[in-house]
Amino acid sequence: MAKGHRSQIKRERNANKDTRPSAKLSYARVSVQKACFVLDAIRGKDVQTALGILTYNPRYASSIIKKLLESAIANAENNNGMNVENLYIEECYANKGPTMKRIRPRAKGRAYRIEKRMSHITLVLNER
């Protein structure tokens, strides 16, 4: 049977939970490859430097990731009581999401497929 009471199982599961502040954006309308260009530029940097990079980066994904980083900073400040000056980006990655499939009419009655890709972007912060 089960190894214990339901509350005991929940306590053990929550004890293993990651306590680092993070923010996740699901179903972002940007492909993983395009998001990774921006994420590679800020990985390992401190928060103030990363915000500066994202502000002046011309890519579309940088505006999305900037909002996500500001959310992660707010989570660290309010939920974990961390100091903003000591925060840095420990992990940032983009995973593949679902793909919207659309049809583009072509000559002689043919149809080409357009794939509009999505991604799930995750940012994890930590204190130095």
N, C-alpha and C. Protein backbone atom coordinates (compact mmCIF):
# COMPACT_ATOMS: atom_id res chain seq x y z
N MET A 1 0.84 -1.19 0.00
CA MET A 1 0.00 0.00 0.00
C MET A 1 0.88 1.25 0.00
N ALA A 2 0.29 2.36 0.43
CA ALA A 2 1.01 3.63 0.46
C ALA A 2 2.01 3.65 1.61
N LYS A 3 3.02 4.52 1.48
CA LYS A 3 4.08 4.56 2.49
C LYS A 3 3.72 5.40 3.71
N GLY A 4 2.55 6.04 3.72
CA GLY A 4 2.17 6.84 4.88
C GLY A 4 0.86 7.55 4.66
N HIS A 5 0.52 8.37 5.59
CA HIS A 5 -0.70 9.15 5.49
C HIS A 5 -0.54 10.23 4.43
N ARG A 6 -1.65 10.68 3.85
CA ARG A 6 -1.62 11.66 2.76
C ARG A 6 -0.90 12.94 3.18
N SER A 7 -1.14 13.40 4.41
CA SER A 7 -0.49 14.62 4.87
C SER A 7 1.02 14.43 5.01
N GLN A 8 1.43 13.22 5.40
CA GLN A 8 2.86 12.93 5.52
C GLN A 8 3.52 12.93 4.14
N ILE A 9 2.84 12.37 3.17
CA ILE A 9 3.37 12.34 1.81
C ILE A 9 3.51 13.77 1.27
N LYS A 10 2.51 14.62 1.55
CA LYS A 10 2.57 16.01 1.10
C LYS A 10 3.70 16.76 1.77
N ARG A 11 3.90 16.52 3.08
CA ARG A 11 5.00 17.18 3.79
C ARG A 11 6.35 16.81 3.19
N GLU A 12 6.54 15.55 2.87
CA GLU A 12 7.81 15.11 2.27
C GLU A 12 8.00 15.72 0.89
N ARG A 13 6.92 15.81 0.11
CA ARG A 13 7.02 16.38 -1.22
C ARG A 13 7.37 17.87 -1.15
N ASN A 14 6.76 18.60 -0.21
CA ASN A 14 7.03 20.03 -0.06
C ASN A 14 8.40 20.31 0.54
N ALA A 15 8.97 19.36 1.28
CA ALA A 15 10.31 19.55 1.85
C ALA A 15 11.36 19.57 0.75
N ASN A 16 11.11 18.87 -0.35
CA ASN A 16 12.07 18.81 -1.46
C ASN A 16 11.89 19.96 -2.45
N LYS A 17 10.97 20.89 -2.16
CA LYS A 17 10.65 21.96 -3.08
C LYS A 17 11.81 22.96 -3.20
N ASP A 18 11.99 23.48 -4.42
CA ASP A 18 13.04 24.47 -4.68
C ASP A 18 12.61 25.82 -4.11
N THR A 19 13.47 26.44 -3.28
CA THR A 19 13.11 27.70 -2.62
C THR A 19 13.64 28.93 -3.35
N ARG A 20 14.36 28.73 -4.45
CA ARG A 20 14.88 29.88 -5.18
C ARG A 20 13.74 30.63 -5.86
N PRO A 21 13.80 31.97 -5.90
CA PRO A 21 12.73 32.72 -6.56
C PRO A 21 12.80 32.52 -8.08
N SER A 22 11.64 32.37 -8.69
CA SER A 22 11.63 32.14 -10.12
C SER A 22 10.36 32.72 -10.72
N ALA A 23 10.32 32.77 -12.04
CA ALA A 23 9.13 33.18 -12.78
C ALA A 23 9.09 32.37 -14.06
N LYS A 24 7.89 31.95 -14.45
CA LYS A 24 7.74 31.14 -15.65
C LYS A 24 6.65 31.74 -16.53
N LEU A 25 6.94 31.82 -17.82
CA LEU A 25 5.97 32.29 -18.79
C LEU A 25 5.66 31.13 -19.72
N SER A 26 4.41 30.70 -19.73
CA SER A 26 4.00 29.60 -20.60
C SER A 26 3.33 30.17 -21.85
N TYR A 27 3.49 29.46 -22.94
CA TYR A 27 2.85 29.78 -24.22
C TYR A 27 3.24 31.16 -24.74
N ALA A 28 4.51 31.50 -24.65
CA ALA A 28 5.00 32.77 -25.22
C ALA A 28 5.06 32.61 -26.73
N ARG A 29 4.55 33.58 -27.46
CA ARG A 29 4.50 33.48 -28.92
C ARG A 29 5.84 33.87 -29.54
N VAL A 30 6.87 33.15 -29.19
CA VAL A 30 8.19 33.33 -29.77
C VAL A 30 8.83 31.95 -29.81
N SER A 31 9.60 31.67 -30.84
CA SER A 31 10.19 30.34 -30.94
C SER A 31 11.32 30.19 -29.93
N VAL A 32 11.67 28.95 -29.64
CA VAL A 32 12.70 28.65 -28.65
C VAL A 32 14.05 29.21 -29.09
N GLN A 33 14.35 29.08 -30.38
CA GLN A 33 15.64 29.55 -30.89
C GLN A 33 15.79 31.05 -30.70
N LYS A 34 14.73 31.80 -30.99
CA LYS A 34 14.79 33.26 -30.88
C LYS A 34 14.86 33.70 -29.42
N ALA A 35 14.17 32.97 -28.54
CA ALA A 35 14.23 33.29 -27.11
C ALA A 35 15.61 32.98 -26.55
N CYS A 36 16.24 31.92 -27.01
CA CYS A 36 17.54 31.51 -26.49
C CYS A 36 18.64 32.51 -26.83
N PHE A 37 18.53 33.23 -27.94
CA PHE A 37 19.51 34.27 -28.26
C PHE A 37 19.58 35.31 -27.15
N VAL A 38 18.41 35.71 -26.65
CA VAL A 38 18.34 36.72 -25.60
C VAL A 38 18.73 36.12 -24.26
N LEU A 39 18.27 34.90 -23.97
CA LEU A 39 18.57 34.26 -22.69
C LEU A 39 20.07 34.01 -22.52
N ASP A 40 20.75 33.67 -23.61
CA ASP A 40 22.21 33.44 -23.54
C ASP A 40 22.96 34.71 -23.17
N ALA A 41 22.40 35.87 -23.57
CA ALA A 41 23.06 37.16 -23.30
C ALA A 41 22.99 37.54 -21.82
N ILE A 42 21.96 37.06 -21.09
CA ILE A 42 21.79 37.48 -19.70
C ILE A 42 22.11 36.40 -18.68
N ARG A 43 22.38 35.19 -19.11
CA ARG A 43 22.62 34.08 -18.17
C ARG A 43 23.86 34.35 -17.32
N GLY A 44 23.69 34.24 -15.99
CA GLY A 44 24.81 34.44 -15.07
C GLY A 44 25.08 35.88 -14.68
N LYS A 45 24.40 36.83 -15.31
CA LYS A 45 24.63 38.25 -15.01
C LYS A 45 23.82 38.66 -13.78
N ASP A 46 24.24 39.77 -13.15
CA ASP A 46 23.44 40.28 -12.04
C ASP A 46 22.21 40.98 -12.61
N VAL A 47 21.22 41.20 -11.78
CA VAL A 47 19.89 41.63 -12.23
C VAL A 47 19.92 43.00 -12.90
N GLN A 48 20.67 43.95 -12.34
CA GLN A 48 20.71 45.30 -12.91
C GLN A 48 21.33 45.29 -14.31
N THR A 49 22.40 44.52 -14.49
CA THR A 49 23.05 44.41 -15.80
C THR A 49 22.10 43.77 -16.80
N ALA A 50 21.41 42.72 -16.37
CA ALA A 50 20.49 42.01 -17.26
C ALA A 50 19.34 42.91 -17.70
N LEU A 51 18.82 43.73 -16.78
CA LEU A 51 17.75 44.66 -17.15
C LEU A 51 18.25 45.68 -18.18
N GLY A 52 19.49 46.14 -18.02
CA GLY A 52 20.06 47.07 -18.99
C GLY A 52 20.22 46.43 -20.36
N ILE A 53 20.68 45.17 -20.39
CA ILE A 53 20.84 44.46 -21.66
C ILE A 53 19.49 44.29 -22.35
N LEU A 54 18.48 43.89 -21.57
CA LEU A 54 17.16 43.64 -22.15
C LEU A 54 16.47 44.92 -22.62
N THR A 55 16.74 46.04 -21.94
CA THR A 55 16.12 47.30 -22.32
C THR A 55 16.57 47.75 -23.70
N TYR A 56 17.86 47.56 -24.01
CA TYR A 56 18.41 48.07 -25.27
C TYR A 56 18.64 46.99 -26.31
N ASN A 57 18.13 45.80 -26.09
CA ASN A 57 18.21 44.73 -27.08
C ASN A 57 17.06 44.89 -28.06
N PRO A 58 17.33 44.93 -29.37
CA PRO A 58 16.25 45.19 -30.34
C PRO A 58 15.33 43.99 -30.61
N ARG A 59 15.65 42.81 -30.14
CA ARG A 59 14.84 41.64 -30.43
C ARG A 59 13.49 41.69 -29.73
N TYR A 60 12.47 41.06 -30.34
CA TYR A 60 11.13 41.03 -29.77
C TYR A 60 11.11 40.24 -28.46
N ALA A 61 11.87 39.16 -28.40
CA ALA A 61 11.87 38.31 -27.21
C ALA A 61 12.39 39.04 -25.98
N SER A 62 13.22 40.06 -26.17
CA SER A 62 13.79 40.76 -25.03
C SER A 62 12.73 41.52 -24.23
N SER A 63 11.69 42.03 -24.90
CA SER A 63 10.62 42.72 -24.18
C SER A 63 9.83 41.75 -23.31
N ILE A 64 9.61 40.54 -23.82
CA ILE A 64 8.89 39.51 -23.05
C ILE A 64 9.73 39.09 -21.85
N ILE A 65 11.01 38.84 -22.08
CA ILE A 65 11.89 38.34 -21.02
C ILE A 65 12.14 39.42 -19.97
N LYS A 66 12.13 40.69 -20.38
CA LYS A 66 12.29 41.79 -19.41
C LYS A 66 11.14 41.81 -18.41
N LYS A 67 9.91 41.64 -18.90
CA LYS A 67 8.75 41.59 -18.01
C LYS A 67 8.84 40.39 -17.08
N LEU A 68 9.32 39.27 -17.62
CA LEU A 68 9.46 38.05 -16.81
C LEU A 68 10.51 38.23 -15.73
N LEU A 69 11.62 38.90 -16.07
CA LEU A 69 12.68 39.16 -15.09
C LEU A 69 12.18 40.10 -13.99
N GLU A 70 11.41 41.12 -14.35
CA GLU A 70 10.86 42.02 -13.34
C GLU A 70 9.91 41.28 -12.40
N SER A 71 9.17 40.31 -12.94
CA SER A 71 8.29 39.49 -12.11
C SER A 71 9.09 38.62 -11.15
N ALA A 72 10.19 38.04 -11.64
CA ALA A 72 11.03 37.19 -10.79
C ALA A 72 11.68 38.02 -9.68
N ILE A 73 12.07 39.27 -9.99
CA ILE A 73 12.65 40.16 -8.98
C ILE A 73 11.62 40.47 -7.90
N ALA A 74 10.38 40.75 -8.32
CA ALA A 74 9.31 41.04 -7.37
C ALA A 74 9.03 39.82 -6.49
N ASN A 75 9.07 38.62 -7.08
CA ASN A 75 8.88 37.39 -6.30
C ASN A 75 9.98 37.24 -5.25
N ALA A 76 11.22 37.53 -5.64
CA ALA A 76 12.34 37.39 -4.71
C ALA A 76 12.22 38.39 -3.57
N GLU A 77 11.78 39.60 -3.89
CA GLU A 77 11.71 40.66 -2.90
C GLU A 77 10.55 40.43 -1.92
N ASN A 78 9.38 40.11 -2.47
CA ASN A 78 8.17 40.02 -1.64
C ASN A 78 7.99 38.66 -0.98
N ASN A 79 8.23 37.58 -1.70
CA ASN A 79 7.97 36.24 -1.16
C ASN A 79 9.15 35.69 -0.36
N ASN A 80 10.38 35.98 -0.81
CA ASN A 80 11.55 35.40 -0.16
C ASN A 80 12.32 36.40 0.70
N GLY A 81 11.98 37.70 0.61
CA GLY A 81 12.66 38.72 1.41
C GLY A 81 14.12 38.91 1.05
N MET A 82 14.46 38.73 -0.21
CA MET A 82 15.85 38.87 -0.65
C MET A 82 16.16 40.31 -1.02
N ASN A 83 17.45 40.66 -0.98
CA ASN A 83 17.91 41.99 -1.35
C ASN A 83 18.15 42.04 -2.86
N VAL A 84 17.60 43.06 -3.53
CA VAL A 84 17.66 43.14 -4.99
C VAL A 84 19.09 43.32 -5.50
N GLU A 85 19.93 44.03 -4.72
CA GLU A 85 21.30 44.29 -5.18
C GLU A 85 22.14 43.02 -5.27
N ASN A 86 21.79 41.99 -4.50
CA ASN A 86 22.59 40.76 -4.47
C ASN A 86 22.08 39.68 -5.42
N LEU A 87 21.01 39.94 -6.16
CA LEU A 87 20.41 38.91 -7.01
C LEU A 87 21.16 38.78 -8.33
N TYR A 88 21.21 37.55 -8.84
CA TYR A 88 21.74 37.29 -10.17
C TYR A 88 20.92 36.18 -10.82
N ILE A 89 21.04 36.05 -12.13
CA ILE A 89 20.26 35.05 -12.86
C ILE A 89 21.04 33.74 -12.84
N GLU A 90 20.53 32.77 -12.09
CA GLU A 90 21.22 31.49 -11.96
C GLU A 90 20.89 30.56 -13.12
N GLU A 91 19.62 30.48 -13.47
CA GLU A 91 19.19 29.64 -14.58
C GLU A 91 18.21 30.42 -15.44
N CYS A 92 18.30 30.21 -16.74
CA CYS A 92 17.26 30.71 -17.64
C CYS A 92 17.25 29.81 -18.87
N TYR A 93 16.07 29.33 -19.20
CA TYR A 93 15.97 28.43 -20.33
C TYR A 93 14.59 28.54 -20.96
N ALA A 94 14.50 28.09 -22.21
CA ALA A 94 13.24 28.08 -22.93
C ALA A 94 12.98 26.66 -23.42
N ASN A 95 11.80 26.16 -23.13
CA ASN A 95 11.38 24.84 -23.59
C ASN A 95 10.34 24.98 -24.69
N LYS A 96 10.26 23.96 -25.53
CA LYS A 96 9.34 23.98 -26.65
C LYS A 96 7.90 23.86 -26.18
N GLY A 97 7.04 24.71 -26.72
CA GLY A 97 5.61 24.65 -26.44
C GLY A 97 4.87 24.10 -27.64
N PRO A 98 3.55 24.21 -27.65
CA PRO A 98 2.79 23.71 -28.80
C PRO A 98 3.00 24.60 -30.03
N THR A 99 2.70 24.06 -31.19
CA THR A 99 2.87 24.78 -32.44
C THR A 99 1.50 24.97 -33.09
N MET A 100 1.18 26.23 -33.44
CA MET A 100 -0.05 26.49 -34.19
C MET A 100 0.24 26.25 -35.67
N LYS A 101 -0.61 25.49 -36.32
CA LYS A 101 -0.41 25.17 -37.74
C LYS A 101 -1.40 25.95 -38.58
N ARG A 102 -0.89 26.69 -39.55
CA ARG A 102 -1.72 27.49 -40.44
C ARG A 102 -1.39 27.12 -41.89
N ILE A 103 -2.29 27.48 -42.80
CA ILE A 103 -2.13 27.12 -44.20
C ILE A 103 -1.92 28.39 -45.03
N ARG A 104 -0.95 28.34 -45.95
CA ARG A 104 -0.68 29.45 -46.86
C ARG A 104 -0.99 28.98 -48.28
N PRO A 105 -1.96 29.61 -48.95
CA PRO A 105 -2.28 29.19 -50.32
C PRO A 105 -1.12 29.50 -51.27
N ARG A 106 -0.85 28.56 -52.16
CA ARG A 106 0.21 28.73 -53.16
C ARG A 106 -0.37 28.51 -54.56
N ALA A 107 0.46 28.61 -55.56
CA ALA A 107 0.00 28.49 -56.95
C ALA A 107 -0.47 27.06 -57.25
N LYS A 108 -1.35 26.94 -58.24
CA LYS A 108 -1.86 25.66 -58.76
C LYS A 108 -2.59 24.86 -57.69
N GLY A 109 -3.26 25.55 -56.78
CA GLY A 109 -4.08 24.87 -55.79
C GLY A 109 -3.33 24.20 -54.66
N ARG A 110 -2.04 24.46 -54.59
CA ARG A 110 -1.26 23.86 -53.51
C ARG A 110 -1.39 24.68 -52.24
N ALA A 111 -0.93 24.09 -51.13
CA ALA A 111 -0.96 24.80 -49.85
C ALA A 111 0.33 24.49 -49.11
N TYR A 112 0.97 25.53 -48.59
CA TYR A 112 2.15 25.35 -47.75
C TYR A 112 1.73 25.54 -46.30
N ARG A 113 2.44 24.86 -45.41
CA ARG A 113 2.13 24.96 -43.99
C ARG A 113 2.99 26.05 -43.35
N ILE A 114 2.36 26.86 -42.51
CA ILE A 114 3.07 27.83 -41.68
C ILE A 114 2.99 27.33 -40.25
N GLU A 115 4.12 27.25 -39.58
CA GLU A 115 4.15 26.79 -38.19
C GLU A 115 4.50 27.97 -37.28
N LYS A 116 3.55 28.33 -36.43
CA LYS A 116 3.77 29.43 -35.48
C LYS A 116 4.13 28.80 -34.14
N ARG A 117 5.39 28.88 -33.79
CA ARG A 117 5.89 28.16 -32.63
C ARG A 117 5.72 28.95 -31.34
N MET A 118 5.60 28.21 -30.24
CA MET A 118 5.49 28.81 -28.91
C MET A 118 6.57 28.21 -28.02
N SER A 119 6.81 28.89 -26.90
CA SER A 119 7.82 28.38 -25.96
C SER A 119 7.39 28.68 -24.53
N HIS A 120 7.95 27.92 -23.61
CA HIS A 120 7.78 28.12 -22.18
C HIS A 120 9.11 28.62 -21.64
N ILE A 121 9.16 29.85 -21.14
CA ILE A 121 10.41 30.47 -20.69
C ILE A 121 10.45 30.49 -19.17
N THR A 122 11.58 30.08 -18.60
CA THR A 122 11.73 30.03 -17.15
C THR A 122 12.99 30.79 -16.73
N LEU A 123 12.86 31.62 -15.68
CA LEU A 123 13.98 32.36 -15.10
C LEU A 123 14.08 31.99 -13.62
N VAL A 124 15.28 31.64 -13.17
CA VAL A 124 15.51 31.33 -11.76
C VAL A 124 16.61 32.26 -11.25
N LEU A 125 16.33 32.96 -10.14
CA LEU A 125 17.30 33.89 -9.55
C LEU A 125 17.90 33.27 -8.30
N ASN A 126 18.99 33.87 -7.83
CA ASN A 126 19.61 33.47 -6.56
C ASN A 126 20.41 34.64 -6.02
N GLU A 127 20.79 34.56 -4.75
CA GLU A 127 21.59 35.62 -4.12
C GLU A 127 23.06 35.24 -4.12
N ARG A 128 23.91 36.25 -4.30
CA ARG A 128 25.36 36.01 -4.21
C ARG A 128 25.79 36.06 -2.77
